[in-house]
């Protein structure tokens, strides 16, 4: 079975600000999105997409404080069978003239293909009683608490 993706836009970074530039034909699909404070951005880890990385299933100590080995499905590593990522981000501005969305942050590189965008719904996306391994329980408990947290000290794999 062949699966084909049709990116709807790309990630753009300019002067420390983050944008999703939508292809003009897809911009009308964003109608009503500006009524939401947050969105889920589904994107492609294009810089890590290779036959070798798609066949790498267990990582050696991907987290500084984590176990010696972790399966890629139990990690947020860009190296995985299908290099798809999801980032929740504040939606700041929907710019109709430039066909782009300004967002608070995304852990993707400039030029990264965006596959889809969905509105963030707490009734479907927020989990009240989350269980995580002890080695990562000191991580921020929400996006808003991420500011000032040094993620580079947590990961042994590339961080966007």
Protein backbone atom coordinates (compact mmCIF):
# COMPACT_ATOMS: atom_id res chain seq x y z
CA UNK A 1 0.00 0.00 0.00
CA UNK A 2 1.37 3.40 -1.00
CA UNK A 3 0.61 6.34 1.29
CA UNK A 4 1.01 9.83 -0.09
CA UNK A 5 1.10 13.03 1.93
CA UNK A 6 0.17 16.41 0.53
CA UNK A 7 1.76 19.09 2.77
CA UNK A 8 -0.54 22.04 3.36
CA UNK A 9 2.29 24.44 4.15
CA UNK A 10 5.66 24.91 5.79
CA UNK A 11 7.11 26.11 9.06
CA UNK A 12 8.82 29.50 8.84
CA UNK A 13 10.97 31.15 11.47
CA UNK A 14 11.75 34.86 11.28
CA UNK A 15 13.53 36.89 13.94
CA UNK A 16 12.61 34.51 16.74
CA UNK A 17 8.95 34.24 15.67
CA UNK A 18 7.23 31.13 14.37
CA UNK A 19 4.80 30.86 11.48
CA UNK A 20 3.00 28.27 9.43
CA UNK A 21 2.76 29.45 5.87
CA UNK A 22 -0.17 27.70 4.25
CA UNK A 23 -0.38 27.06 0.55
CA UNK A 24 -2.88 29.56 -0.79
CA UNK A 25 -5.35 26.89 -1.91
CA UNK A 26 -5.53 25.52 1.67
CA UNK A 27 -5.94 28.83 3.49
CA UNK A 28 -9.75 28.77 3.33
CA UNK A 29 -9.55 25.54 5.35
CA UNK A 30 -8.42 27.72 8.29
CA UNK A 31 -11.83 29.46 8.43
CA UNK A 32 -12.85 29.59 12.11
CA UNK A 33 -9.47 28.44 13.40
CA UNK A 34 -8.79 31.89 14.89
CA UNK A 35 -11.54 31.24 17.45
CA UNK A 36 -9.22 28.77 19.18
CA UNK A 37 -6.33 29.69 21.46
CA UNK A 38 -4.24 26.59 20.61
CA UNK A 39 -3.72 24.27 17.67
CA UNK A 40 -2.14 20.90 17.03
CA UNK A 41 0.37 21.00 14.18
CA UNK A 42 1.15 17.68 12.50
CA UNK A 43 4.46 17.88 10.68
CA UNK A 44 7.13 15.78 8.99
CA UNK A 45 10.58 15.24 10.50
CA UNK A 46 11.94 15.70 6.96
CA UNK A 47 15.55 16.16 8.08
CA UNK A 48 15.52 12.70 9.70
CA UNK A 49 13.72 10.75 6.99
CA UNK A 50 15.95 8.02 5.59
CA UNK A 51 15.69 4.30 5.05
CA UNK A 52 18.19 3.79 7.89
CA UNK A 53 16.30 5.91 10.42
CA UNK A 54 12.98 4.26 9.51
CA UNK A 55 14.50 0.91 10.50
CA UNK A 56 15.96 2.01 13.82
CA UNK A 57 13.67 0.85 16.63
CA UNK A 58 15.58 1.00 19.92
CA UNK A 59 17.57 4.03 21.03
CA UNK A 60 20.56 4.02 23.35
CA UNK A 61 19.78 6.36 26.26
CA UNK A 62 17.79 9.05 24.40
CA UNK A 63 17.05 10.90 27.65
CA UNK A 64 19.70 12.17 30.03
CA UNK A 65 17.92 10.85 33.13
CA UNK A 66 16.17 7.96 31.39
CA UNK A 67 16.86 4.25 31.02
CA UNK A 68 19.77 2.90 28.97
CA UNK A 69 17.49 1.79 26.12
CA UNK A 70 14.10 3.05 24.94
CA UNK A 71 11.99 1.98 21.98
CA UNK A 72 11.39 4.80 19.51
CA UNK A 73 7.62 4.53 20.06
CA UNK A 74 8.24 5.33 23.74
CA UNK A 75 10.24 8.43 22.84
CA UNK A 76 9.77 11.80 21.16
CA UNK A 77 12.77 11.12 18.91
CA UNK A 78 12.70 12.31 15.31
CA UNK A 79 14.11 8.90 14.32
CA UNK A 80 11.13 6.57 13.88
CA UNK A 81 9.40 4.28 11.35
CA UNK A 82 7.25 7.18 10.13
CA UNK A 83 8.84 10.51 11.07
CA UNK A 84 5.63 12.31 11.97
CA UNK A 85 5.49 14.84 14.80
CA UNK A 86 2.72 16.66 16.65
CA UNK A 87 3.19 19.97 18.44
CA UNK A 88 0.56 21.86 20.41
CA UNK A 89 1.10 25.60 20.06
CA UNK A 90 -0.69 28.83 20.91
CA UNK A 91 -2.29 30.37 17.84
CA UNK A 92 -1.42 34.07 18.00
CA UNK A 93 -2.54 35.53 14.65
CA UNK A 94 -4.25 34.25 11.54
CA UNK A 95 -2.86 36.52 8.79
CA UNK A 96 -5.26 36.40 5.83
CA UNK A 97 -3.08 38.58 3.59
CA UNK A 98 0.05 36.45 3.95
CA UNK A 99 -1.83 33.12 4.23
CA UNK A 100 -0.04 32.24 7.43
CA UNK A 101 -0.57 31.53 11.08
CA UNK A 102 1.69 33.04 13.70
CA UNK A 103 2.16 30.56 16.51
CA UNK A 104 3.85 30.76 19.89
CA UNK A 105 6.41 28.03 19.25
CA UNK A 106 7.09 24.87 17.28
CA UNK A 107 9.97 22.42 17.69
CA UNK A 108 10.44 22.12 13.93
CA UNK A 109 13.08 23.55 11.63
CA UNK A 110 12.52 26.38 9.17
CA UNK A 111 11.07 24.87 5.97
CA UNK A 112 9.60 21.79 7.64
CA UNK A 113 6.53 20.43 5.80
CA UNK A 114 3.22 20.79 7.68
CA UNK A 115 0.85 17.89 7.01
CA UNK A 116 -2.23 19.04 8.93
CA UNK A 117 -3.57 21.37 11.60
CA UNK A 118 -6.29 20.61 14.11
CA UNK A 119 -7.85 22.79 16.79
CA UNK A 120 -6.90 21.85 20.34
CA UNK A 121 -9.97 20.70 22.30
CA UNK A 122 -9.48 20.07 26.04
CA UNK A 123 -12.48 17.72 26.01
CA UNK A 124 -10.65 15.43 23.58
CA UNK A 125 -6.96 16.27 24.00
CA UNK A 126 -6.36 17.07 27.67
CA UNK A 127 -5.69 14.16 30.00
CA UNK A 128 -6.24 14.72 33.72
CA UNK A 129 -4.50 11.72 35.27
CA UNK A 130 -1.29 11.20 33.27
CA UNK A 131 1.26 8.60 34.34
CA UNK A 132 4.88 9.10 33.28
CA UNK A 133 8.16 7.39 34.19
CA UNK A 134 9.81 8.71 37.36
CA UNK A 135 12.86 9.97 35.43
CA UNK A 136 10.79 12.60 33.57
CA UNK A 137 8.24 13.67 36.20
CA UNK A 138 10.22 16.88 36.81
CA UNK A 139 9.33 18.08 33.29
CA UNK A 140 6.86 20.99 33.02
CA UNK A 141 3.24 19.91 33.40
CA UNK A 142 1.91 22.16 30.62
CA UNK A 143 3.03 24.24 27.63
CA UNK A 144 2.84 27.47 29.59
CA UNK A 145 5.35 26.12 32.14
CA UNK A 146 7.92 25.34 29.40
CA UNK A 147 9.29 28.88 29.33
CA UNK A 148 12.72 28.85 30.89
CA UNK A 149 12.92 25.04 31.07
CA UNK A 150 16.18 23.85 29.51
CA UNK A 151 15.09 20.94 27.32
CA UNK A 152 18.62 20.57 25.92
CA UNK A 153 19.65 19.04 29.26
CA UNK A 154 16.95 16.35 28.92
CA UNK A 155 17.56 14.88 25.48
CA UNK A 156 20.45 12.98 23.94
CA UNK A 157 18.89 13.23 20.48
CA UNK A 158 18.56 16.37 18.32
CA UNK A 159 16.06 18.94 19.57
CA UNK A 160 14.53 21.46 17.13
